């Protein structure tokens, strides 16, 4: 629960970042927290703590969000490099 809510908190922090570099760094934390959430979901499945069908959709959504945030971070890094080259 903590790492899942940390995703939201860190994304909110990224949205109000004071610089492009800070935004990128905060997105990196978001990706780390989503990955930790995935770990715990995998753990729940592997240890059979809950039925897999209840966890599977959460895991898939978490994976999709991870891909979105990784793509956003790549775009932000690319745009930041382009801005640096122009200046």
Protein backbone atom coordinates (compact mmCIF):
# COMPACT_ATOMS: atom_id res chain seq x y z
CA UNK A 1 0.00 0.00 0.00
CA UNK A 2 2.81 2.42 0.87
CA UNK A 3 4.66 2.09 -2.44
CA UNK A 4 1.40 2.33 -4.39
CA UNK A 5 0.44 5.59 -2.68
CA UNK A 6 4.02 6.79 -3.02
CA UNK A 7 3.58 6.59 -6.80
CA UNK A 8 0.79 9.15 -6.61
CA UNK A 9 2.66 11.41 -4.18
CA UNK A 10 5.82 11.41 -6.28
CA UNK A 11 3.91 11.99 -9.50
CA UNK A 12 2.21 14.97 -7.89
CA UNK A 13 5.64 16.26 -6.87
CA UNK A 14 6.85 15.82 -10.46
CA UNK A 15 3.92 17.89 -11.72
CA UNK A 16 5.09 20.87 -9.67
CA UNK A 17 8.81 20.37 -10.23
CA UNK A 18 10.78 23.60 -10.45
CA UNK A 19 12.98 22.48 -13.33
CA UNK A 20 13.12 19.95 -16.14
CA UNK A 21 15.90 18.10 -14.33
CA UNK A 22 13.82 17.91 -11.16
CA UNK A 23 10.82 16.67 -13.16
CA UNK A 24 12.93 13.91 -14.70
CA UNK A 25 14.38 12.92 -11.32
CA UNK A 26 10.93 12.76 -9.74
CA UNK A 27 9.62 10.64 -12.62
CA UNK A 28 12.51 8.26 -11.94
CA UNK A 29 11.27 7.89 -8.37
CA UNK A 30 7.76 7.22 -9.69
CA UNK A 31 9.13 4.41 -11.88
CA UNK A 32 11.02 2.92 -8.92
CA UNK A 33 7.90 2.98 -6.74
CA UNK A 34 5.78 1.35 -9.44
CA UNK A 35 8.43 -1.34 -9.81
CA UNK A 36 8.31 -1.94 -6.06
CA UNK A 37 4.51 -2.20 -6.27
CA UNK A 38 4.95 -4.79 -9.01
CA UNK A 39 7.32 -6.73 -6.77
CA UNK A 40 4.75 -6.90 -3.98
CA UNK A 41 1.99 -7.91 -6.38
CA UNK A 42 4.23 -10.68 -7.74
CA UNK A 43 5.01 -11.72 -4.17
CA UNK A 44 1.30 -11.95 -3.34
CA UNK A 45 0.76 -14.13 -6.42
CA UNK A 46 3.83 -16.34 -5.85
CA UNK A 47 3.00 -16.92 -2.19
CA UNK A 48 -0.68 -17.48 -2.99
CA UNK A 49 -1.74 -14.87 -0.44
CA UNK A 50 -4.71 -13.92 -2.62
CA UNK A 51 -6.30 -15.52 -5.65
CA UNK A 52 -4.31 -14.67 -8.78
CA UNK A 53 -7.42 -13.52 -10.66
CA UNK A 54 -7.90 -10.73 -8.07
CA UNK A 55 -4.31 -9.51 -8.39
CA UNK A 56 -3.73 -10.02 -12.12
CA UNK A 57 -5.64 -6.91 -13.27
CA UNK A 58 -3.83 -4.76 -10.69
CA UNK A 59 -0.50 -6.10 -11.90
CA UNK A 60 -1.38 -5.45 -15.55
CA UNK A 61 -2.48 -1.89 -14.79
CA UNK A 62 0.67 -1.30 -12.77
CA UNK A 63 2.77 -2.58 -15.67
CA UNK A 64 0.94 -0.26 -18.08
CA UNK A 65 1.52 2.73 -15.80
CA UNK A 66 5.20 1.81 -15.51
CA UNK A 67 5.50 1.79 -19.31
CA UNK A 68 3.74 5.17 -19.53
CA UNK A 69 6.03 6.78 -16.95
CA UNK A 70 9.17 5.30 -18.52
CA UNK A 71 8.09 6.69 -21.90
CA UNK A 72 7.33 10.08 -20.31
CA UNK A 73 10.76 10.14 -18.69
CA UNK A 74 12.45 9.28 -22.01
CA UNK A 75 10.52 12.06 -23.76
CA UNK A 76 11.39 14.55 -21.02
CA UNK A 77 15.08 13.59 -21.19
CA UNK A 78 15.08 13.93 -24.98
CA UNK A 79 13.33 17.31 -24.85
CA UNK A 80 15.71 18.50 -22.15
CA UNK A 81 18.73 17.50 -24.28
CA UNK A 82 17.26 19.25 -27.32
CA UNK A 83 16.72 22.39 -25.27
CA UNK A 84 20.33 22.23 -24.03
CA UNK A 85 21.65 21.84 -27.58
CA UNK A 86 19.68 24.89 -28.79
CA UNK A 87 21.02 27.01 -25.94
